[in-house]
Amino acid sequence: MFKKAMTALALSAAIASAHSEVLINEGFDNITTLASAGWILDNASTPVGTAGWGQGGVNLFDAHSGDVGSYISGNYNNAAAGGQISNWLITPTFSNATALQLSFYARADAGPGLADLISFGASTGGSNAADFSMGSVITVPTNDWTKYTITFAAHGAGSVARFAINYTGAADTANFVGIDTLSVNAVPEPSTWLMLAAGLGGLGLLRKRKAAR
């Protein structure tokens, strides 16, 4: 009986692990460690301002998760007065052999007549701005953290990708934006689910047969 129970638990655990293999899980607790982990922080604003990506602002709003300031932030000082912000936050490369789901949270600080804009997209491993296929520019909400979710189709064995967030807009009308809780998860192929489900089903059938003896 104990062996059957342990087998069932093992198969259940296999399904749980197949559900979501975590490739990246970044809470931005300490952004000084990002570069050594393969992240790229590239302030390409014109003209470049006095600041780039920084640790979260503890006097503005709390992080989505973790300590108060454990998020990464950009602000109007990323470009000089009258300039155009283009501040890139780029992930390390990750496998795109299977389908993926990526999510992150963003929030801006409210200010009269001000708005913080971002766009985001992916590359096939390149890290230059021109390598990324970017989506439309969006205005980041100010009332709470907003979750954004992106799906990647499987590109086969050996394929890799990067994800980028571009903080953009006119410096004179920007204010402050935060990014937090960025994760990339591999989604199992349907065949994986079928095989694991079949394993559990077979176990149930085996139990019934033995119980009937």
N, C-alpha and C. Protein backbone atom coordinates (compact mmCIF):
# COMPACT_ATOMS: atom_id res chain seq x y z
N MET A 1 0.83 -1.20 0.00
CA MET A 1 0.00 0.00 0.00
C MET A 1 0.87 1.25 0.00
N PHE A 2 1.92 1.23 0.84
CA PHE A 2 2.82 2.38 0.92
C PHE A 2 3.52 2.62 -0.42
N LYS A 3 3.94 1.53 -1.08
CA LYS A 3 4.62 1.64 -2.36
C LYS A 3 3.70 2.26 -3.41
N LYS A 4 2.42 1.85 -3.40
CA LYS A 4 1.45 2.41 -4.36
C LYS A 4 1.27 3.90 -4.12
N ALA A 5 1.18 4.26 -2.84
CA ALA A 5 0.99 5.67 -2.51
C ALA A 5 2.18 6.50 -2.95
N MET A 6 3.38 5.98 -2.74
CA MET A 6 4.59 6.70 -3.14
C MET A 6 4.68 6.82 -4.65
N THR A 7 4.26 5.78 -5.39
CA THR A 7 4.26 5.84 -6.85
C THR A 7 3.30 6.91 -7.33
N ALA A 8 2.13 6.97 -6.71
CA ALA A 8 1.15 8.00 -7.08
C ALA A 8 1.69 9.38 -6.81
N LEU A 9 2.36 9.57 -5.67
CA LEU A 9 2.94 10.86 -5.35
C LEU A 9 4.03 11.24 -6.33
N ALA A 10 4.83 10.27 -6.74
CA ALA A 10 5.91 10.53 -7.69
C ALA A 10 5.35 11.00 -9.03
N LEU A 11 4.30 10.33 -9.49
CA LEU A 11 3.69 10.72 -10.76
C LEU A 11 3.03 12.08 -10.65
N SER A 12 2.40 12.35 -9.51
CA SER A 12 1.79 13.66 -9.30
C SER A 12 2.85 14.75 -9.31
N ALA A 13 3.98 14.48 -8.67
CA ALA A 13 5.08 15.45 -8.65
C ALA A 13 5.63 15.67 -10.04
N ALA A 14 5.68 14.61 -10.85
CA ALA A 14 6.17 14.75 -12.22
C ALA A 14 5.27 15.66 -13.02
N ILE A 15 3.96 15.52 -12.84
CA ILE A 15 3.03 16.39 -13.55
C ILE A 15 3.20 17.82 -13.09
N ALA A 16 3.37 18.03 -11.79
CA ALA A 16 3.54 19.38 -11.27
C ALA A 16 4.79 20.03 -11.83
N SER A 17 5.90 19.27 -11.92
CA SER A 17 7.13 19.84 -12.45
C SER A 17 7.03 20.08 -13.94
N ALA A 18 6.29 19.23 -14.65
CA ALA A 18 6.12 19.43 -16.08
C ALA A 18 5.27 20.64 -16.37
N HIS A 19 4.41 20.98 -15.42
CA HIS A 19 3.50 22.11 -15.62
C HIS A 19 4.26 23.40 -15.87
N SER A 20 5.38 23.61 -15.20
CA SER A 20 6.05 24.89 -15.34
C SER A 20 7.50 24.79 -14.89
N GLU A 21 8.41 24.63 -15.85
CA GLU A 21 9.84 24.65 -15.54
C GLU A 21 10.29 26.10 -15.57
N VAL A 22 10.79 26.60 -14.46
CA VAL A 22 11.17 28.00 -14.35
C VAL A 22 12.54 28.22 -14.98
N LEU A 23 12.61 29.10 -15.98
CA LEU A 23 13.88 29.43 -16.63
C LEU A 23 14.48 30.71 -16.08
N ILE A 24 13.63 31.68 -15.78
CA ILE A 24 14.07 32.93 -15.15
C ILE A 24 13.04 33.29 -14.08
N ASN A 25 13.54 33.71 -12.93
CA ASN A 25 12.65 34.18 -11.86
C ASN A 25 13.36 35.33 -11.16
N GLU A 26 13.06 36.55 -11.55
CA GLU A 26 13.80 37.71 -11.07
C GLU A 26 12.87 38.66 -10.30
N GLY A 27 13.23 38.90 -9.04
CA GLY A 27 12.46 39.82 -8.21
C GLY A 27 13.11 41.17 -8.02
N PHE A 28 14.31 41.37 -8.62
CA PHE A 28 15.02 42.65 -8.58
C PHE A 28 15.27 43.13 -7.15
N ASP A 29 15.64 42.18 -6.29
CA ASP A 29 15.95 42.54 -4.91
C ASP A 29 17.21 43.40 -4.82
N ASN A 30 18.16 43.12 -5.72
CA ASN A 30 19.42 43.86 -5.73
C ASN A 30 19.88 43.96 -7.18
N ILE A 31 19.64 45.09 -7.81
CA ILE A 31 19.90 45.18 -9.25
C ILE A 31 21.39 45.23 -9.58
N THR A 32 22.25 45.40 -8.58
CA THR A 32 23.69 45.40 -8.86
C THR A 32 24.19 44.01 -9.26
N THR A 33 23.39 42.98 -9.04
CA THR A 33 23.78 41.61 -9.39
C THR A 33 23.29 41.20 -10.78
N LEU A 34 22.52 42.04 -11.44
CA LEU A 34 21.90 41.65 -12.71
C LEU A 34 22.92 41.40 -13.81
N ALA A 35 23.90 42.28 -13.95
CA ALA A 35 24.87 42.16 -15.03
C ALA A 35 25.62 40.83 -14.96
N SER A 36 26.00 40.43 -13.76
CA SER A 36 26.75 39.17 -13.62
C SER A 36 25.87 37.96 -13.91
N ALA A 37 24.55 38.15 -13.89
CA ALA A 37 23.62 37.06 -14.20
C ALA A 37 23.20 37.06 -15.66
N GLY A 38 23.80 37.96 -16.46
CA GLY A 38 23.52 37.97 -17.89
C GLY A 38 22.52 38.99 -18.36
N TRP A 39 22.00 39.80 -17.45
CA TRP A 39 21.07 40.86 -17.83
C TRP A 39 21.84 42.02 -18.47
N ILE A 40 21.15 42.75 -19.34
CA ILE A 40 21.74 43.93 -19.98
C ILE A 40 20.87 45.13 -19.65
N LEU A 41 21.48 46.16 -19.07
CA LEU A 41 20.81 47.42 -18.78
C LEU A 41 21.46 48.47 -19.67
N ASP A 42 20.73 48.91 -20.68
CA ASP A 42 21.30 49.78 -21.71
C ASP A 42 20.46 51.04 -21.87
N ASN A 43 20.99 52.14 -21.36
CA ASN A 43 20.29 53.42 -21.49
C ASN A 43 20.72 54.08 -22.80
N ALA A 44 19.85 53.97 -23.81
CA ALA A 44 20.14 54.53 -25.13
C ALA A 44 19.35 55.82 -25.37
N SER A 45 19.00 56.50 -24.29
CA SER A 45 18.24 57.75 -24.41
C SER A 45 19.06 58.82 -25.10
N THR A 46 18.37 59.78 -25.72
CA THR A 46 19.06 60.87 -26.43
C THR A 46 18.49 62.23 -26.03
N PRO A 47 19.33 63.11 -25.53
CA PRO A 47 20.65 62.83 -24.93
C PRO A 47 20.49 62.01 -23.65
N VAL A 48 21.52 61.25 -23.33
CA VAL A 48 21.48 60.45 -22.10
C VAL A 48 21.40 61.38 -20.90
N GLY A 49 20.56 61.00 -19.94
CA GLY A 49 20.39 61.81 -18.75
C GLY A 49 21.37 61.47 -17.65
N THR A 50 21.00 61.82 -16.45
CA THR A 50 21.89 61.65 -15.30
C THR A 50 21.70 60.32 -14.58
N ALA A 51 20.72 59.52 -15.01
CA ALA A 51 20.44 58.26 -14.32
C ALA A 51 20.04 57.19 -15.32
N GLY A 52 20.29 55.94 -14.94
CA GLY A 52 19.82 54.80 -15.73
C GLY A 52 18.80 54.02 -14.91
N TRP A 53 18.77 52.71 -15.10
CA TRP A 53 17.91 51.90 -14.25
C TRP A 53 18.43 51.96 -12.81
N GLY A 54 17.52 52.05 -11.85
CA GLY A 54 17.90 52.14 -10.46
C GLY A 54 17.09 51.19 -9.59
N GLN A 55 17.51 51.08 -8.34
CA GLN A 55 16.73 50.29 -7.38
C GLN A 55 15.42 51.00 -7.09
N GLY A 56 14.39 50.25 -6.73
CA GLY A 56 13.06 50.81 -6.51
C GLY A 56 13.05 51.97 -5.54
N GLY A 57 12.13 52.90 -5.76
CA GLY A 57 12.00 54.08 -4.91
C GLY A 57 11.12 53.79 -3.71
N VAL A 58 11.70 53.74 -2.54
CA VAL A 58 10.95 53.35 -1.34
C VAL A 58 9.95 54.41 -0.90
N ASN A 59 10.09 55.63 -1.37
CA ASN A 59 9.18 56.70 -0.95
C ASN A 59 8.02 56.89 -1.91
N LEU A 60 7.95 56.09 -2.97
CA LEU A 60 6.92 56.28 -3.99
C LEU A 60 5.84 55.21 -3.90
N PHE A 61 6.22 53.95 -4.07
CA PHE A 61 5.29 52.85 -3.86
C PHE A 61 6.09 51.59 -3.56
N ASP A 62 5.43 50.64 -2.90
CA ASP A 62 6.09 49.40 -2.50
C ASP A 62 6.26 48.47 -3.70
N ALA A 63 7.21 47.54 -3.58
CA ALA A 63 7.42 46.52 -4.60
C ALA A 63 6.18 45.64 -4.74
N HIS A 64 6.10 44.97 -5.89
CA HIS A 64 5.01 44.01 -6.06
C HIS A 64 5.16 42.87 -5.07
N SER A 65 6.39 42.42 -4.84
CA SER A 65 6.65 41.39 -3.84
C SER A 65 8.04 41.63 -3.26
N GLY A 66 8.28 41.10 -2.08
CA GLY A 66 9.57 41.27 -1.45
C GLY A 66 9.63 42.55 -0.64
N ASP A 67 10.86 43.00 -0.35
CA ASP A 67 11.05 44.22 0.42
C ASP A 67 10.50 45.43 -0.34
N VAL A 68 10.31 46.50 0.39
CA VAL A 68 9.66 47.70 -0.16
C VAL A 68 10.28 48.15 -1.48
N GLY A 69 11.60 48.21 -1.54
CA GLY A 69 12.28 48.72 -2.73
C GLY A 69 12.82 47.65 -3.66
N SER A 70 12.33 46.42 -3.55
CA SER A 70 12.90 45.34 -4.36
C SER A 70 12.23 45.25 -5.73
N TYR A 71 12.44 46.29 -6.51
CA TYR A 71 12.05 46.32 -7.92
C TYR A 71 13.02 47.22 -8.65
N ILE A 72 13.00 47.18 -9.97
CA ILE A 72 13.89 48.02 -10.76
C ILE A 72 13.08 49.20 -11.30
N SER A 73 13.70 50.37 -11.36
CA SER A 73 12.95 51.57 -11.73
C SER A 73 13.71 52.44 -12.72
N GLY A 74 12.92 53.17 -13.50
CA GLY A 74 13.44 54.20 -14.39
C GLY A 74 12.67 55.48 -14.14
N ASN A 75 13.22 56.61 -14.59
CA ASN A 75 12.50 57.88 -14.40
C ASN A 75 12.89 58.89 -15.46
N TYR A 76 12.30 60.08 -15.36
CA TYR A 76 12.50 61.12 -16.37
C TYR A 76 13.96 61.53 -16.52
N ASN A 77 14.78 61.28 -15.53
CA ASN A 77 16.20 61.62 -15.62
C ASN A 77 17.00 60.64 -16.47
N ASN A 78 16.35 59.62 -17.03
CA ASN A 78 17.05 58.72 -17.95
C ASN A 78 17.47 59.45 -19.21
N ALA A 79 16.78 60.52 -19.55
CA ALA A 79 17.17 61.39 -20.67
C ALA A 79 17.29 62.81 -20.16
N ALA A 80 18.07 63.62 -20.84
CA ALA A 80 18.20 65.02 -20.47
C ALA A 80 16.90 65.76 -20.75
N ALA A 81 16.72 66.89 -20.13
CA ALA A 81 15.53 67.71 -20.36
C ALA A 81 15.36 67.98 -21.85
N GLY A 82 14.15 67.78 -22.34
CA GLY A 82 13.88 67.95 -23.77
C GLY A 82 14.24 66.74 -24.60
N GLY A 83 14.80 65.71 -23.98
CA GLY A 83 15.25 64.52 -24.72
C GLY A 83 14.21 63.43 -24.80
N GLN A 84 14.62 62.31 -25.41
CA GLN A 84 13.76 61.16 -25.61
C GLN A 84 14.32 59.97 -24.84
N ILE A 85 13.50 59.39 -23.98
CA ILE A 85 13.93 58.23 -23.20
C ILE A 85 13.89 56.97 -24.06
N SER A 86 14.94 56.17 -23.95
CA SER A 86 14.98 54.83 -24.55
C SER A 86 15.90 53.98 -23.69
N ASN A 87 15.34 53.48 -22.60
CA ASN A 87 16.12 52.75 -21.61
C ASN A 87 15.73 51.28 -21.66
N TRP A 88 16.68 50.42 -22.00
CA TRP A 88 16.42 49.01 -22.26
C TRP A 88 16.77 48.14 -21.06
N LEU A 89 15.87 47.22 -20.75
CA LEU A 89 16.09 46.17 -19.76
C LEU A 89 15.96 44.84 -20.48
N ILE A 90 17.06 44.10 -20.61
CA ILE A 90 17.11 42.91 -21.46
C ILE A 90 17.50 41.69 -20.62
N THR A 91 16.74 40.63 -20.76
CA THR A 91 17.00 39.41 -19.98
C THR A 91 18.23 38.67 -20.51
N PRO A 92 18.75 37.75 -19.72
CA PRO A 92 19.72 36.79 -20.25
C PRO A 92 19.04 35.93 -21.32
N THR A 93 19.83 35.21 -22.11
CA THR A 93 19.24 34.27 -23.06
C THR A 93 18.61 33.11 -22.30
N PHE A 94 17.55 32.56 -22.87
CA PHE A 94 16.90 31.39 -22.30
C PHE A 94 16.45 30.48 -23.43
N SER A 95 16.33 29.21 -23.14
CA SER A 95 15.94 28.23 -24.15
C SER A 95 14.52 28.48 -24.64
N ASN A 96 14.35 28.41 -25.96
CA ASN A 96 13.02 28.51 -26.56
C ASN A 96 12.69 27.22 -27.32
N ALA A 97 13.27 26.11 -26.85
CA ALA A 97 13.01 24.82 -27.50
C ALA A 97 11.55 24.42 -27.35
N THR A 98 10.97 24.75 -26.19
CA THR A 98 9.55 24.47 -25.96
C THR A 98 8.78 25.79 -25.89
N ALA A 99 7.47 25.68 -25.83
CA ALA A 99 6.64 26.87 -25.66
C ALA A 99 6.93 27.50 -24.30
N LEU A 100 6.81 28.83 -24.23
CA LEU A 100 7.15 29.55 -23.01
C LEU A 100 6.02 30.50 -22.63
N GLN A 101 5.98 30.80 -21.35
CA GLN A 101 5.12 31.88 -20.87
C GLN A 101 5.96 32.81 -20.02
N LEU A 102 5.94 34.10 -20.37
CA LEU A 102 6.69 35.11 -19.64
C LEU A 102 5.71 36.09 -19.02
N SER A 103 6.00 36.51 -17.80
CA SER A 103 5.16 37.52 -17.17
C SER A 103 6.02 38.48 -16.37
N PHE A 104 5.52 39.70 -16.22
CA PHE A 104 6.16 40.69 -15.36
C PHE A 104 5.09 41.67 -14.89
N TYR A 105 5.46 42.47 -13.90
CA TYR A 105 4.56 43.48 -13.36
C TYR A 105 5.17 44.86 -13.57
N ALA A 106 4.32 45.84 -13.85
CA ALA A 106 4.78 47.22 -14.03
C ALA A 106 3.84 48.17 -13.29
N ARG A 107 4.40 49.27 -12.85
CA ARG A 107 3.61 50.30 -12.18
C ARG A 107 4.31 51.64 -12.36
N ALA A 108 3.53 52.70 -12.49
CA ALA A 108 4.09 54.05 -12.62
C ALA A 108 3.60 54.91 -11.46
N ASP A 109 4.32 56.01 -11.23
CA ASP A 109 3.92 56.96 -10.20
C ASP A 109 3.11 58.09 -10.85
N ALA A 110 1.99 58.41 -10.26
CA ALA A 110 1.09 59.41 -10.84
C ALA A 110 1.68 60.82 -10.70
N GLY A 111 1.41 61.64 -11.70
CA GLY A 111 1.80 63.04 -11.68
C GLY A 111 0.96 63.82 -12.67
N PRO A 112 0.52 65.02 -12.34
CA PRO A 112 -0.34 65.80 -13.24
C PRO A 112 0.30 66.02 -14.61
N GLY A 113 -0.38 65.57 -15.66
CA GLY A 113 0.12 65.76 -17.01
C GLY A 113 1.27 64.86 -17.40
N LEU A 114 1.59 63.88 -16.55
CA LEU A 114 2.73 62.99 -16.81
C LEU A 114 2.25 61.58 -17.12
N ALA A 115 3.04 60.84 -17.89
CA ALA A 115 2.72 59.45 -18.22
C ALA A 115 4.01 58.71 -18.51
N ASP A 116 4.09 57.47 -18.05
CA ASP A 116 5.26 56.63 -18.28
C ASP A 116 4.91 55.54 -19.27
N LEU A 117 5.73 55.40 -20.29
CA LEU A 117 5.45 54.52 -21.42
C LEU A 117 6.49 53.40 -21.51
N ILE A 118 6.03 52.20 -21.85
CA ILE A 118 6.94 51.09 -22.12
C ILE A 118 6.46 50.33 -23.35
N SER A 119 7.39 49.63 -23.97
CA SER A 119 7.05 48.61 -24.95
C SER A 119 7.89 47.39 -24.61
N PHE A 120 7.52 46.23 -25.13
CA PHE A 120 8.30 45.03 -24.84
C PHE A 120 8.21 44.06 -26.00
N GLY A 121 9.23 43.21 -26.10
CA GLY A 121 9.28 42.25 -27.20
C GLY A 121 10.42 41.27 -27.01
N ALA A 122 10.70 40.50 -28.06
CA ALA A 122 11.66 39.41 -27.96
C ALA A 122 12.60 39.38 -29.16
N SER A 123 13.74 38.74 -28.96
CA SER A 123 14.69 38.48 -30.04
C SER A 123 15.02 37.00 -30.04
N THR A 124 15.72 36.56 -31.06
CA THR A 124 16.17 35.16 -31.12
C THR A 124 17.57 35.03 -30.53
N GLY A 125 17.84 35.81 -29.50
CA GLY A 125 19.11 35.73 -28.80
C GLY A 125 19.95 36.98 -28.92
N GLY A 126 19.65 37.84 -29.89
CA GLY A 126 20.41 39.08 -30.06
C GLY A 126 20.12 40.06 -28.94
N SER A 127 21.08 40.95 -28.68
CA SER A 127 20.93 41.89 -27.57
C SER A 127 20.93 43.35 -28.01
N ASN A 128 21.02 43.60 -29.31
CA ASN A 128 20.94 44.97 -29.81
C ASN A 128 19.49 45.37 -30.00
N ALA A 129 19.21 46.65 -29.89
CA ALA A 129 17.83 47.13 -30.02
C ALA A 129 17.18 46.66 -31.31
N ALA A 130 17.94 46.67 -32.40
CA ALA A 130 17.39 46.28 -33.70
C ALA A 130 17.06 44.79 -33.79
N ASP A 131 17.54 44.00 -32.85
CA ASP A 131 17.28 42.56 -32.87
C ASP A 131 15.89 42.20 -32.35
N PHE A 132 15.24 43.14 -31.67
CA PHE A 132 13.98 42.84 -31.00
C PHE A 132 12.77 43.24 -31.83
N SER A 133 11.79 42.35 -31.85
CA SER A 133 10.48 42.65 -32.42
C SER A 133 9.62 43.16 -31.27
N MET A 134 9.32 44.45 -31.30
CA MET A 134 8.65 45.09 -30.17
C MET A 134 7.17 45.29 -30.43
N GLY A 135 6.38 45.22 -29.37
CA GLY A 135 4.96 45.49 -29.46
C GLY A 135 4.67 46.98 -29.38
N SER A 136 3.41 47.30 -29.32
CA SER A 136 2.98 48.70 -29.26
C SER A 136 3.38 49.33 -27.92
N VAL A 137 3.57 50.63 -27.94
CA VAL A 137 3.87 51.37 -26.72
C VAL A 137 2.60 51.45 -25.87
N ILE A 138 2.74 51.20 -24.58
CA ILE A 138 1.59 51.27 -23.68
C ILE A 138 1.88 52.24 -22.54
N THR A 139 0.83 52.81 -21.99
CA THR A 139 0.94 53.68 -20.83
C THR A 139 0.81 52.83 -19.57
N VAL A 140 1.76 52.92 -18.68
CA VAL A 140 1.77 52.09 -17.48
C VAL A 140 0.78 52.66 -16.46
N PRO A 141 -0.14 51.83 -15.96
CA PRO A 141 -1.10 52.30 -14.95
C PRO A 141 -0.41 52.73 -13.66
N THR A 142 -1.06 53.63 -12.94
CA THR A 142 -0.47 54.19 -11.72
C THR A 142 -1.16 53.73 -10.44
N ASN A 143 -2.33 53.13 -10.56
CA ASN A 143 -3.09 52.82 -9.34
C ASN A 143 -2.61 51.56 -8.62
N ASP A 144 -1.97 50.65 -9.35
CA ASP A 144 -1.49 49.40 -8.74
C ASP A 144 -0.55 48.71 -9.73
N TRP A 145 0.08 47.64 -9.27
CA TRP A 145 0.92 46.84 -10.16
C TRP A 145 0.03 46.11 -11.16
N THR A 146 0.42 46.16 -12.43
CA THR A 146 -0.32 45.49 -13.51
C THR A 146 0.53 44.37 -14.07
N LYS A 147 -0.08 43.20 -14.22
CA LYS A 147 0.63 42.03 -14.75
C LYS A 147 0.49 41.96 -16.26
N TYR A 148 1.61 41.69 -16.93
CA TYR A 148 1.63 41.49 -18.38
C TYR A 148 2.14 40.07 -18.65
N THR A 149 1.47 39.35 -19.53
CA THR A 149 1.83 37.97 -19.84
C THR A 149 2.02 37.81 -21.34
N ILE A 150 3.12 37.17 -21.73
CA ILE A 150 3.46 36.97 -23.14
C ILE A 150 3.74 35.49 -23.34
N THR A 151 3.27 34.94 -24.44
CA THR A 151 3.54 33.54 -24.76
C THR A 151 4.49 33.44 -25.95
N PHE A 152 5.35 32.45 -25.93
CA PHE A 152 6.31 32.18 -27.00
C PHE A 152 6.01 30.81 -27.57
N ALA A 153 5.94 30.70 -28.88
CA ALA A 153 5.79 29.39 -29.51
C ALA A 153 7.12 28.65 -29.43
N ALA A 154 7.07 27.32 -29.41
CA ALA A 154 8.28 26.50 -29.40
C ALA A 154 9.02 26.66 -30.73
N HIS A 155 10.34 26.83 -30.67
CA HIS A 155 11.16 26.99 -31.88
C HIS A 155 12.11 25.83 -32.11
N GLY A 156 12.03 24.79 -31.29
CA GLY A 156 12.83 23.60 -31.53
C GLY A 156 14.14 23.57 -30.77
N ALA A 157 14.75 22.41 -30.77
CA ALA A 157 15.99 22.18 -30.02
C ALA A 157 17.07 23.16 -30.42
N GLY A 158 17.76 23.69 -29.42
CA GLY A 158 18.88 24.59 -29.66
C GLY A 158 18.50 26.05 -29.81
N SER A 159 17.22 26.38 -29.90
CA SER A 159 16.82 27.77 -30.09
C SER A 159 16.82 28.51 -28.76
N VAL A 160 17.17 29.79 -28.83
CA VAL A 160 17.19 30.63 -27.63
C VAL A 160 16.46 31.94 -27.91
N ALA A 161 16.18 32.67 -26.86
CA ALA A 161 15.50 33.95 -26.99
C ALA A 161 15.96 34.89 -25.89
N ARG A 162 15.69 36.15 -26.09
CA ARG A 162 15.82 37.16 -25.05
C ARG A 162 14.53 37.97 -25.03
N PHE A 163 14.23 38.57 -23.90
CA PHE A 163 13.07 39.44 -23.76
C PHE A 163 13.55 40.81 -23.33
N ALA A 164 12.92 41.85 -23.85
CA ALA A 164 13.34 43.21 -23.52
C ALA A 164 12.14 44.08 -23.18
N ILE A 165 12.35 44.97 -22.23
CA ILE A 165 11.41 46.04 -21.92
C ILE A 165 12.11 47.35 -22.23
N ASN A 166 11.45 48.20 -22.99
CA ASN A 166 12.01 49.51 -23.33
C ASN A 166 11.16 50.60 -22.68
N TYR A 167 11.77 51.32 -21.76
CA TYR A 167 11.13 52.49 -21.15
C TYR A 167 11.35 53.65 -22.11
N THR A 168 10.26 54.29 -22.55
CA THR A 168 10.36 55.24 -23.64
C THR A 168 9.50 56.48 -23.38
N GLY A 169 9.52 57.40 -24.32
CA GLY A 169 8.71 58.62 -24.21
C GLY A 169 9.56 59.86 -24.00
N ALA A 170 8.92 61.00 -24.05
CA ALA A 170 9.61 62.28 -23.85
C ALA A 170 9.96 62.45 -22.38
N ALA A 171 11.18 62.86 -22.11
CA ALA A 171 11.62 63.04 -20.73
C ALA A 171 10.78 64.08 -20.01
N ASP A 172 10.35 65.10 -20.74
CA ASP A 172 9.61 66.20 -20.11
C ASP A 172 8.21 65.80 -19.63
N THR A 173 7.68 64.68 -20.16
CA THR A 173 6.34 64.25 -19.75
C THR A 173 6.37 62.89 -19.04
N ALA A 174 7.57 62.38 -18.76
CA ALA A 174 7.72 61.12 -18.02
C ALA A 174 7.83 61.41 -16.53
N ASN A 175 7.70 60.36 -15.74
CA ASN A 175 7.81 60.54 -14.30
C ASN A 175 8.66 59.44 -13.68
N PHE A 176 8.04 58.28 -13.36
CA PHE A 176 8.74 57.20 -12.67
C PHE A 176 8.02 55.90 -12.95
N VAL A 177 8.78 54.85 -13.30
CA VAL A 177 8.18 53.55 -13.60
C VAL A 177 8.94 52.45 -12.87
N GLY A 178 8.22 51.42 -12.44
CA GLY A 178 8.83 50.27 -11.79
C GLY A 178 8.50 48.98 -12.51
N ILE A 179 9.45 48.05 -12.52
CA ILE A 179 9.27 46.71 -13.10
C ILE A 179 9.61 45.70 -12.01
N ASP A 180 8.79 44.66 -11.88
CA ASP A 180 9.03 43.69 -10.81
C ASP A 180 8.55 42.30 -11.23
N THR A 181 9.05 41.29 -10.52
CA THR A 181 8.58 39.90 -10.59
C THR A 181 8.50 39.41 -12.03
N LEU A 182 9.65 39.34 -12.69
CA LEU A 182 9.71 38.87 -14.07
C LEU A 182 10.08 37.39 -14.07
N SER A 183 9.27 36.58 -14.73
CA SER A 183 9.54 35.14 -14.78
C SER A 183 9.32 34.60 -16.18
N VAL A 184 10.11 33.59 -16.52
CA VAL A 184 9.96 32.85 -17.77
C VAL A 184 9.80 31.39 -17.42
N ASN A 185 8.73 30.78 -17.91
CA ASN A 185 8.42 29.39 -17.59
C ASN A 185 8.22 28.58 -18.86
N ALA A 186 8.85 27.41 -18.91
CA ALA A 186 8.65 26.51 -20.04
C ALA A 186 7.33 25.78 -19.87
N VAL A 187 6.53 25.75 -20.92
CA VAL A 187 5.24 25.07 -20.89
C VAL A 187 5.42 23.70 -21.52
N PRO A 188 5.03 22.61 -20.85
CA PRO A 188 5.24 21.27 -21.40
C PRO A 188 4.42 21.03 -22.65
N GLU A 189 4.94 20.18 -23.52
CA GLU A 189 4.19 19.79 -24.71
C GLU A 189 2.98 18.95 -24.30
N PRO A 190 1.90 19.00 -25.08
CA PRO A 190 0.71 18.20 -24.76
C PRO A 190 1.03 16.72 -24.59
N SER A 191 2.00 16.19 -25.36
CA SER A 191 2.34 14.77 -25.25
C SER A 191 2.88 14.43 -23.87
N THR A 192 3.58 15.40 -23.24
CA THR A 192 4.09 15.17 -21.89
C THR A 192 2.96 14.96 -20.91
N TRP A 193 1.93 15.80 -21.04
CA TRP A 193 0.77 15.66 -20.17
C TRP A 193 0.08 14.32 -20.40
N LEU A 194 -0.04 13.92 -21.67
CA LEU A 194 -0.73 12.67 -21.98
C LEU A 194 -0.01 11.48 -21.39
N MET A 195 1.31 11.47 -21.51
CA MET A 195 2.08 10.34 -20.98
C MET A 195 1.97 10.26 -19.47
N LEU A 196 2.06 11.43 -18.81
CA LEU A 196 1.98 11.44 -17.36
C LEU A 196 0.58 11.07 -16.88
N ALA A 197 -0.43 11.58 -17.57
CA ALA A 197 -1.81 11.24 -17.20
C ALA A 197 -2.06 9.76 -17.40
N ALA A 198 -1.50 9.20 -18.48
CA ALA A 198 -1.66 7.77 -18.73
C ALA A 198 -1.01 6.96 -17.62
N GLY A 199 0.11 7.45 -17.11
CA GLY A 199 0.78 6.77 -16.01
C GLY A 199 -0.09 6.72 -14.77
N LEU A 200 -0.74 7.83 -14.44
CA LEU A 200 -1.63 7.85 -13.29
C LEU A 200 -2.84 6.98 -13.51
N GLY A 201 -3.38 7.01 -14.75
CA GLY A 201 -4.55 6.19 -15.06
C GLY A 201 -4.23 4.72 -14.94
N GLY A 202 -3.05 4.33 -15.42
CA GLY A 202 -2.63 2.94 -15.34
C GLY A 202 -2.47 2.49 -13.90
N LEU A 203 -1.98 3.39 -13.06
CA LEU A 203 -1.82 3.06 -11.65
C LEU A 203 -3.18 2.78 -11.01
N GLY A 204 -4.18 3.60 -11.37
CA GLY A 204 -5.52 3.40 -10.83
C GLY A 204 -6.09 2.07 -11.27
N LEU A 205 -5.85 1.71 -12.53
CA LEU A 205 -6.35 0.44 -13.04
C LEU A 205 -5.69 -0.73 -12.33
N LEU A 206 -4.38 -0.60 -12.08
CA LEU A 206 -3.65 -1.65 -11.38
C LEU A 206 -4.20 -1.85 -9.97
N ARG A 207 -4.53 -0.76 -9.30
CA ARG A 207 -5.08 -0.84 -7.96
C ARG A 207 -6.41 -1.59 -7.97
N LYS A 208 -7.25 -1.28 -8.95
CA LYS A 208 -8.57 -1.91 -9.03
C LYS A 208 -8.44 -3.41 -9.24
N ARG A 209 -7.51 -3.80 -10.12
CA ARG A 209 -7.34 -5.22 -10.40
C ARG A 209 -6.86 -5.97 -9.18
N LYS A 210 -5.91 -5.39 -8.47
CA LYS A 210 -5.38 -6.06 -7.29
C LYS A 210 -6.42 -6.12 -6.18
N ALA A 211 -7.23 -5.08 -6.09
CA ALA A 211 -8.26 -5.06 -5.05
C ALA A 211 -9.32 -6.11 -5.31
N ALA A 212 -9.49 -6.48 -6.59
CA ALA A 212 -10.54 -7.44 -6.94
C ALA A 212 -10.12 -8.87 -6.64
N ARG A 213 -8.85 -9.10 -6.40
CA ARG A 213 -8.37 -10.46 -6.14
C ARG A 213 -8.82 -10.98 -4.77
